[in-house]
Amino acid sequence: MFLKRALPIVAGAGICLSAFAPAANAQFTSEEIVRQVVPTFDVNSGIDGVLIYEQLRNRTDFTIVIENLPPGAYTVTVGGQFRGFMSSFRSNKGLFAELAFSTRQRGDTLLLNFEPRGELIEIRSVLDDDRLYASGRLPFGVQVSENEP
């Protein structure tokens, strides 16, 4: 039996996802956490976005996706440490910015060599006096005990 049961992961802002706990003889539990970012500069700006943490069998991904962020360049810090730049640009669906990290670096994805869960994640303007535009925090996921039925 591959699947033992589905465990809920509370992911904030009314979003609930599930992780699947494999049977006792399996070696891996996948995990996905999604948390909304909070606009901090102008709460009426329409800035909306998510932080996504996904642990898969062969890699872990961490992605920041933000819509309606004013066009420009932004720094991303995790736990107070600079982790990269993101640019907001106009697409056919509106203003859009994305920054992706993975433990298996590929394409434009940056290397995920830090733990984003539990840390404050901030998006600040490069050109606007380091103004904080959005922030969020990813919780740690569900821990599965070997003694659970």
N, C-alpha and C. Protein backbone atom coordinates (compact mmCIF):
# COMPACT_ATOMS: atom_id res chain seq x y z
N MET A 1 0.85 -1.18 0.00
CA MET A 1 0.00 0.00 0.00
C MET A 1 0.89 1.23 0.00
N PHE A 2 0.79 2.07 -1.04
CA PHE A 2 1.64 3.24 -1.13
C PHE A 2 1.17 4.38 -0.24
N LEU A 3 -0.12 4.66 -0.25
CA LEU A 3 -0.63 5.81 0.46
C LEU A 3 -1.25 5.40 1.78
N LYS A 4 -0.72 5.97 2.85
CA LYS A 4 -1.23 5.66 4.17
C LYS A 4 -2.45 6.51 4.49
N ARG A 5 -2.33 7.85 4.24
CA ARG A 5 -3.44 8.78 4.48
C ARG A 5 -3.02 10.17 4.03
N ALA A 6 -3.99 11.07 3.90
CA ALA A 6 -3.69 12.46 3.56
C ALA A 6 -3.66 13.26 4.85
N LEU A 7 -2.64 14.10 4.98
CA LEU A 7 -2.50 14.95 6.16
C LEU A 7 -2.74 16.39 5.74
N PRO A 8 -3.58 17.15 6.45
CA PRO A 8 -3.78 18.55 6.06
C PRO A 8 -2.58 19.40 6.45
N ILE A 9 -2.27 20.37 5.60
CA ILE A 9 -1.27 21.39 5.92
C ILE A 9 -2.01 22.71 5.85
N VAL A 10 -2.07 23.43 6.94
CA VAL A 10 -2.72 24.73 6.93
C VAL A 10 -1.72 25.72 6.37
N ALA A 11 -2.11 26.41 5.30
CA ALA A 11 -1.18 27.25 4.59
C ALA A 11 -1.53 28.73 4.64
N GLY A 12 -2.41 29.14 5.49
CA GLY A 12 -2.68 30.55 5.68
C GLY A 12 -3.64 31.13 4.66
N ALA A 13 -4.22 32.23 5.03
CA ALA A 13 -5.14 32.99 4.18
C ALA A 13 -6.22 32.10 3.58
N GLY A 14 -6.68 31.13 4.34
CA GLY A 14 -7.77 30.30 3.89
C GLY A 14 -7.39 29.22 2.89
N ILE A 15 -6.09 29.02 2.67
CA ILE A 15 -5.66 28.01 1.73
C ILE A 15 -5.27 26.77 2.52
N CYS A 16 -5.75 25.61 2.11
CA CYS A 16 -5.37 24.37 2.77
C CYS A 16 -4.97 23.36 1.70
N LEU A 17 -3.80 22.81 1.86
CA LEU A 17 -3.30 21.81 0.94
C LEU A 17 -3.10 20.51 1.69
N SER A 18 -2.78 19.46 0.98
CA SER A 18 -2.52 18.18 1.63
C SER A 18 -1.16 17.66 1.25
N ALA A 19 -0.55 16.96 2.19
CA ALA A 19 0.67 16.21 1.90
C ALA A 19 0.30 14.76 2.06
N PHE A 20 0.92 13.91 1.33
CA PHE A 20 0.60 12.50 1.40
C PHE A 20 1.70 11.76 2.13
N ALA A 21 1.31 11.05 3.17
CA ALA A 21 2.26 10.26 3.94
C ALA A 21 2.30 8.85 3.37
N PRO A 22 3.45 8.41 2.90
CA PRO A 22 3.54 7.07 2.34
C PRO A 22 3.42 6.01 3.43
N ALA A 23 3.21 4.80 3.02
CA ALA A 23 3.14 3.69 3.96
C ALA A 23 4.44 3.58 4.75
N ALA A 24 4.43 2.86 5.85
CA ALA A 24 5.56 2.78 6.76
C ALA A 24 6.85 2.33 6.07
N ASN A 25 6.76 1.50 5.03
CA ASN A 25 7.97 1.02 4.38
C ASN A 25 8.51 1.99 3.33
N ALA A 26 7.81 3.06 3.02
CA ALA A 26 8.29 4.06 2.08
C ALA A 26 9.23 5.02 2.79
N GLN A 27 10.05 5.73 2.03
CA GLN A 27 11.11 6.56 2.59
C GLN A 27 10.85 8.06 2.49
N PHE A 28 9.72 8.51 1.92
CA PHE A 28 9.59 9.93 1.62
C PHE A 28 8.18 10.44 1.85
N THR A 29 8.08 11.66 2.34
CA THR A 29 6.81 12.36 2.47
C THR A 29 6.93 13.66 1.68
N SER A 30 6.06 13.89 0.70
CA SER A 30 6.10 15.14 -0.06
C SER A 30 5.39 16.22 0.74
N GLU A 31 5.73 17.46 0.42
CA GLU A 31 5.18 18.58 1.18
C GLU A 31 5.04 19.78 0.25
N GLU A 32 3.92 20.49 0.35
CA GLU A 32 3.73 21.74 -0.37
C GLU A 32 3.08 22.73 0.57
N ILE A 33 3.70 23.91 0.67
CA ILE A 33 3.17 24.96 1.53
C ILE A 33 2.99 26.20 0.66
N VAL A 34 1.83 26.83 0.73
CA VAL A 34 1.56 28.06 0.00
C VAL A 34 1.10 29.11 1.00
N ARG A 35 1.70 30.29 0.95
CA ARG A 35 1.34 31.37 1.87
C ARG A 35 1.25 32.66 1.08
N GLN A 36 0.22 33.45 1.32
CA GLN A 36 0.09 34.74 0.63
C GLN A 36 1.08 35.74 1.20
N VAL A 37 1.57 36.64 0.32
CA VAL A 37 2.38 37.75 0.79
C VAL A 37 1.45 38.88 1.20
N VAL A 38 1.94 39.74 2.05
CA VAL A 38 1.16 40.87 2.55
C VAL A 38 1.74 42.15 1.98
N PRO A 39 0.93 42.96 1.28
CA PRO A 39 1.45 44.25 0.82
C PRO A 39 1.73 45.13 2.03
N THR A 40 2.87 45.80 2.03
CA THR A 40 3.24 46.59 3.20
C THR A 40 3.32 48.08 2.94
N PHE A 41 3.51 48.48 1.68
CA PHE A 41 3.66 49.90 1.38
C PHE A 41 2.31 50.58 1.19
N ASP A 42 1.51 50.05 0.30
CA ASP A 42 0.18 50.61 0.01
C ASP A 42 -0.79 49.44 -0.05
N VAL A 43 -1.53 49.25 1.02
CA VAL A 43 -2.43 48.09 1.10
C VAL A 43 -3.52 48.12 0.05
N ASN A 44 -3.78 49.27 -0.55
CA ASN A 44 -4.80 49.38 -1.60
C ASN A 44 -4.21 49.28 -3.00
N SER A 45 -2.94 48.92 -3.11
CA SER A 45 -2.25 48.90 -4.41
C SER A 45 -2.67 47.73 -5.29
N GLY A 46 -3.28 46.72 -4.72
CA GLY A 46 -3.64 45.54 -5.48
C GLY A 46 -2.53 44.52 -5.56
N ILE A 47 -1.40 44.77 -4.86
CA ILE A 47 -0.31 43.79 -4.85
C ILE A 47 -0.83 42.50 -4.24
N ASP A 48 -0.58 41.42 -4.95
CA ASP A 48 -1.04 40.11 -4.51
C ASP A 48 0.03 39.10 -4.91
N GLY A 49 0.25 38.14 -4.08
CA GLY A 49 1.25 37.15 -4.44
C GLY A 49 1.29 35.99 -3.47
N VAL A 50 2.13 35.02 -3.81
CA VAL A 50 2.26 33.83 -2.98
C VAL A 50 3.72 33.42 -2.85
N LEU A 51 3.99 32.76 -1.74
CA LEU A 51 5.26 32.08 -1.50
C LEU A 51 4.93 30.59 -1.59
N ILE A 52 5.68 29.86 -2.38
CA ILE A 52 5.40 28.43 -2.56
C ILE A 52 6.65 27.64 -2.22
N TYR A 53 6.49 26.69 -1.30
CA TYR A 53 7.58 25.78 -0.92
C TYR A 53 7.10 24.38 -1.26
N GLU A 54 7.88 23.67 -2.06
CA GLU A 54 7.47 22.33 -2.47
C GLU A 54 8.65 21.39 -2.34
N GLN A 55 8.47 20.38 -1.50
CA GLN A 55 9.50 19.36 -1.33
C GLN A 55 9.07 18.11 -2.07
N LEU A 56 9.85 17.75 -3.07
CA LEU A 56 9.57 16.58 -3.89
C LEU A 56 10.60 15.49 -3.59
N ARG A 57 10.45 14.36 -4.22
CA ARG A 57 11.36 13.24 -3.97
C ARG A 57 12.81 13.60 -4.27
N ASN A 58 13.06 14.28 -5.41
CA ASN A 58 14.44 14.52 -5.83
C ASN A 58 14.88 15.98 -5.79
N ARG A 59 14.03 16.86 -5.29
CA ARG A 59 14.42 18.27 -5.21
C ARG A 59 13.44 19.03 -4.31
N THR A 60 13.86 20.22 -3.91
CA THR A 60 13.00 21.13 -3.17
C THR A 60 12.96 22.45 -3.94
N ASP A 61 11.76 23.00 -4.13
CA ASP A 61 11.58 24.26 -4.86
C ASP A 61 10.99 25.31 -3.92
N PHE A 62 11.41 26.55 -4.12
CA PHE A 62 10.86 27.69 -3.40
C PHE A 62 10.65 28.79 -4.43
N THR A 63 9.41 29.26 -4.58
CA THR A 63 9.07 30.24 -5.61
C THR A 63 8.29 31.39 -5.00
N ILE A 64 8.61 32.60 -5.46
CA ILE A 64 7.89 33.81 -5.07
C ILE A 64 7.23 34.34 -6.34
N VAL A 65 5.91 34.51 -6.31
CA VAL A 65 5.16 35.04 -7.46
C VAL A 65 4.33 36.21 -6.96
N ILE A 66 4.51 37.38 -7.61
CA ILE A 66 3.78 38.57 -7.18
C ILE A 66 3.16 39.25 -8.39
N GLU A 67 1.90 39.64 -8.24
CA GLU A 67 1.19 40.39 -9.28
C GLU A 67 0.95 41.81 -8.81
N ASN A 68 0.87 42.72 -9.75
CA ASN A 68 0.57 44.14 -9.52
C ASN A 68 1.63 44.87 -8.71
N LEU A 69 2.85 44.36 -8.70
CA LEU A 69 3.98 45.06 -8.12
C LEU A 69 4.40 46.12 -9.13
N PRO A 70 4.56 47.40 -8.75
CA PRO A 70 4.92 48.43 -9.73
C PRO A 70 6.15 48.02 -10.54
N PRO A 71 6.20 48.37 -11.83
CA PRO A 71 7.36 47.99 -12.65
C PRO A 71 8.66 48.47 -12.02
N GLY A 72 9.68 47.62 -12.07
CA GLY A 72 10.97 47.97 -11.52
C GLY A 72 11.72 46.77 -10.98
N ALA A 73 12.84 47.05 -10.33
CA ALA A 73 13.70 46.01 -9.77
C ALA A 73 13.51 45.95 -8.26
N TYR A 74 13.57 44.74 -7.72
CA TYR A 74 13.34 44.50 -6.30
C TYR A 74 14.36 43.52 -5.75
N THR A 75 14.74 43.71 -4.50
CA THR A 75 15.59 42.73 -3.82
C THR A 75 14.70 41.80 -3.02
N VAL A 76 15.16 40.57 -2.87
CA VAL A 76 14.47 39.59 -2.04
C VAL A 76 15.41 39.19 -0.93
N THR A 77 14.94 39.35 0.31
CA THR A 77 15.72 38.89 1.46
C THR A 77 14.93 37.81 2.17
N VAL A 78 15.65 36.84 2.70
CA VAL A 78 15.06 35.75 3.47
C VAL A 78 15.83 35.70 4.79
N GLY A 79 15.13 35.96 5.89
CA GLY A 79 15.79 35.98 7.18
C GLY A 79 16.84 37.08 7.27
N GLY A 80 16.62 38.19 6.56
CA GLY A 80 17.55 39.31 6.58
C GLY A 80 18.73 39.16 5.63
N GLN A 81 18.83 38.04 4.93
CA GLN A 81 19.94 37.80 4.00
C GLN A 81 19.48 37.99 2.56
N PHE A 82 20.25 38.75 1.79
CA PHE A 82 19.94 38.95 0.38
C PHE A 82 19.98 37.61 -0.34
N ARG A 83 18.94 37.31 -1.13
CA ARG A 83 18.88 36.04 -1.86
C ARG A 83 18.71 36.21 -3.37
N GLY A 84 18.40 37.43 -3.83
CA GLY A 84 18.28 37.62 -5.28
C GLY A 84 17.50 38.86 -5.63
N PHE A 85 17.46 39.12 -6.93
CA PHE A 85 16.70 40.23 -7.49
C PHE A 85 15.50 39.68 -8.24
N MET A 86 14.42 40.44 -8.26
CA MET A 86 13.29 40.13 -9.12
C MET A 86 12.85 41.41 -9.80
N SER A 87 12.33 41.28 -11.01
CA SER A 87 11.85 42.44 -11.77
C SER A 87 10.37 42.28 -12.05
N SER A 88 9.65 43.36 -11.88
CA SER A 88 8.24 43.38 -12.22
C SER A 88 8.11 43.95 -13.62
N PHE A 89 7.36 43.26 -14.44
CA PHE A 89 7.17 43.72 -15.81
C PHE A 89 5.72 43.54 -16.22
N ARG A 90 5.35 44.24 -17.27
CA ARG A 90 3.99 44.16 -17.78
C ARG A 90 3.89 43.01 -18.78
N SER A 91 2.95 42.13 -18.55
CA SER A 91 2.69 41.04 -19.49
C SER A 91 1.26 41.20 -19.99
N ASN A 92 0.81 40.27 -20.82
CA ASN A 92 -0.56 40.37 -21.32
C ASN A 92 -1.59 40.13 -20.21
N LYS A 93 -1.14 39.65 -19.06
CA LYS A 93 -2.05 39.43 -17.92
C LYS A 93 -1.90 40.49 -16.83
N GLY A 94 -1.08 41.52 -17.08
CA GLY A 94 -0.87 42.57 -16.09
C GLY A 94 0.56 42.60 -15.60
N LEU A 95 0.79 43.23 -14.46
CA LEU A 95 2.13 43.32 -13.88
C LEU A 95 2.46 42.02 -13.17
N PHE A 96 3.70 41.54 -13.36
CA PHE A 96 4.06 40.21 -12.89
C PHE A 96 5.54 40.17 -12.50
N ALA A 97 5.85 39.48 -11.39
CA ALA A 97 7.24 39.26 -10.97
C ALA A 97 7.33 37.86 -10.38
N GLU A 98 8.45 37.18 -10.66
CA GLU A 98 8.64 35.83 -10.14
C GLU A 98 10.13 35.59 -9.89
N LEU A 99 10.42 34.87 -8.83
CA LEU A 99 11.79 34.44 -8.53
C LEU A 99 11.70 33.01 -8.03
N ALA A 100 12.49 32.12 -8.64
CA ALA A 100 12.42 30.69 -8.29
C ALA A 100 13.78 30.17 -7.85
N PHE A 101 13.75 29.32 -6.83
CA PHE A 101 14.93 28.64 -6.30
C PHE A 101 14.66 27.15 -6.32
N SER A 102 15.72 26.35 -6.46
CA SER A 102 15.58 24.90 -6.40
C SER A 102 16.90 24.28 -5.95
N THR A 103 16.80 23.15 -5.28
CA THR A 103 18.01 22.43 -4.91
C THR A 103 18.64 21.77 -6.14
N ARG A 104 17.90 21.69 -7.22
CA ARG A 104 18.42 21.22 -8.51
C ARG A 104 18.32 22.39 -9.48
N GLN A 105 19.40 23.16 -9.55
CA GLN A 105 19.42 24.37 -10.35
C GLN A 105 19.25 24.03 -11.83
N ARG A 106 18.34 24.79 -12.50
CA ARG A 106 18.08 24.58 -13.91
C ARG A 106 17.54 25.88 -14.50
N GLY A 107 17.91 26.17 -15.74
CA GLY A 107 17.41 27.38 -16.40
C GLY A 107 17.68 28.63 -15.60
N ASP A 108 16.63 29.44 -15.40
CA ASP A 108 16.75 30.68 -14.64
C ASP A 108 16.55 30.49 -13.14
N THR A 109 16.42 29.25 -12.71
CA THR A 109 16.18 28.97 -11.30
C THR A 109 17.49 29.12 -10.53
N LEU A 110 17.42 29.82 -9.39
CA LEU A 110 18.59 30.00 -8.53
C LEU A 110 18.74 28.80 -7.60
N LEU A 111 19.96 28.58 -7.11
CA LEU A 111 20.22 27.47 -6.21
C LEU A 111 19.59 27.72 -4.85
N LEU A 112 18.81 26.77 -4.37
CA LEU A 112 18.21 26.85 -3.04
C LEU A 112 19.20 26.20 -2.07
N ASN A 113 20.01 27.03 -1.44
CA ASN A 113 21.01 26.54 -0.49
C ASN A 113 20.79 27.17 0.89
N PHE A 114 19.51 27.46 1.19
CA PHE A 114 19.11 28.04 2.47
C PHE A 114 17.72 27.52 2.81
N GLU A 115 17.32 27.68 4.05
CA GLU A 115 16.00 27.23 4.52
C GLU A 115 15.06 28.43 4.60
N PRO A 116 14.06 28.53 3.71
CA PRO A 116 13.16 29.69 3.75
C PRO A 116 12.04 29.56 4.79
N ARG A 117 11.72 28.32 5.21
CA ARG A 117 10.61 28.14 6.14
C ARG A 117 10.96 28.72 7.51
N GLY A 118 10.00 29.44 8.05
CA GLY A 118 10.18 30.06 9.36
C GLY A 118 10.86 31.42 9.31
N GLU A 119 11.33 31.82 8.15
CA GLU A 119 12.05 33.10 8.01
C GLU A 119 11.15 34.17 7.39
N LEU A 120 11.40 35.42 7.75
CA LEU A 120 10.68 36.54 7.15
C LEU A 120 11.23 36.77 5.74
N ILE A 121 10.34 36.82 4.76
CA ILE A 121 10.70 37.02 3.36
C ILE A 121 10.20 38.40 2.97
N GLU A 122 11.13 39.24 2.48
CA GLU A 122 10.78 40.63 2.17
C GLU A 122 11.14 40.96 0.73
N ILE A 123 10.27 41.75 0.09
CA ILE A 123 10.48 42.24 -1.27
C ILE A 123 10.58 43.76 -1.16
N ARG A 124 11.77 44.29 -1.50
CA ARG A 124 12.05 45.73 -1.36
C ARG A 124 12.46 46.32 -2.71
N SER A 125 12.08 47.58 -2.92
CA SER A 125 12.42 48.29 -4.15
C SER A 125 13.91 48.63 -4.18
N VAL A 126 14.55 48.42 -5.32
CA VAL A 126 15.95 48.78 -5.49
C VAL A 126 16.07 50.29 -5.64
N LEU A 127 15.15 50.91 -6.40
CA LEU A 127 15.26 52.33 -6.75
C LEU A 127 14.47 53.27 -5.83
N ASP A 128 13.64 52.76 -4.99
CA ASP A 128 12.75 53.58 -4.17
C ASP A 128 13.17 53.55 -2.70
N ASP A 129 14.42 53.91 -2.42
CA ASP A 129 14.95 54.00 -1.05
C ASP A 129 14.76 52.71 -0.26
N ASP A 130 14.90 51.56 -0.91
CA ASP A 130 14.81 50.25 -0.24
C ASP A 130 13.45 50.05 0.44
N ARG A 131 12.42 50.68 -0.13
CA ARG A 131 11.07 50.61 0.45
C ARG A 131 10.53 49.18 0.41
N LEU A 132 9.96 48.74 1.52
CA LEU A 132 9.38 47.40 1.63
C LEU A 132 8.01 47.40 0.98
N TYR A 133 7.82 46.55 -0.04
CA TYR A 133 6.55 46.48 -0.75
C TYR A 133 5.69 45.30 -0.34
N ALA A 134 6.32 44.19 0.02
CA ALA A 134 5.55 43.01 0.39
C ALA A 134 6.42 42.11 1.27
N SER A 135 5.75 41.33 2.11
CA SER A 135 6.49 40.39 2.96
C SER A 135 5.60 39.19 3.28
N GLY A 136 6.21 38.15 3.78
CA GLY A 136 5.49 36.96 4.18
C GLY A 136 6.41 36.00 4.90
N ARG A 137 5.83 34.94 5.39
CA ARG A 137 6.60 33.93 6.11
C ARG A 137 6.00 32.57 5.81
N LEU A 138 6.86 31.62 5.49
CA LEU A 138 6.43 30.24 5.27
C LEU A 138 6.56 29.48 6.58
N PRO A 139 5.51 28.82 7.01
CA PRO A 139 5.61 28.01 8.23
C PRO A 139 6.33 26.70 7.93
N PHE A 140 6.79 26.06 8.95
CA PHE A 140 7.29 24.69 8.77
C PHE A 140 6.09 23.81 8.55
N GLY A 141 6.23 22.76 7.78
CA GLY A 141 5.12 21.87 7.44
C GLY A 141 4.82 20.87 8.52
N VAL A 142 3.96 19.96 8.18
CA VAL A 142 3.54 18.90 9.08
C VAL A 142 4.69 17.92 9.27
N GLN A 143 4.97 17.58 10.49
CA GLN A 143 5.97 16.55 10.80
C GLN A 143 5.23 15.25 11.07
N VAL A 144 5.61 14.19 10.41
CA VAL A 144 4.95 12.90 10.57
C VAL A 144 5.80 12.02 11.47
N SER A 145 5.21 11.57 12.56
CA SER A 145 5.89 10.69 13.49
C SER A 145 5.81 9.25 12.99
N GLU A 146 6.87 8.48 13.20
CA GLU A 146 6.85 7.07 12.78
C GLU A 146 5.85 6.27 13.60
N ASN A 147 5.46 6.78 14.77
CA ASN A 147 4.53 6.07 15.65
C ASN A 147 3.08 6.33 15.34
N GLU A 148 2.81 7.25 14.39
CA GLU A 148 1.41 7.56 14.07
C GLU A 148 0.78 6.40 13.33
N PRO A 149 -0.50 6.13 13.58
CA PRO A 149 -1.18 5.01 12.89
C PRO A 149 -1.37 5.28 11.42
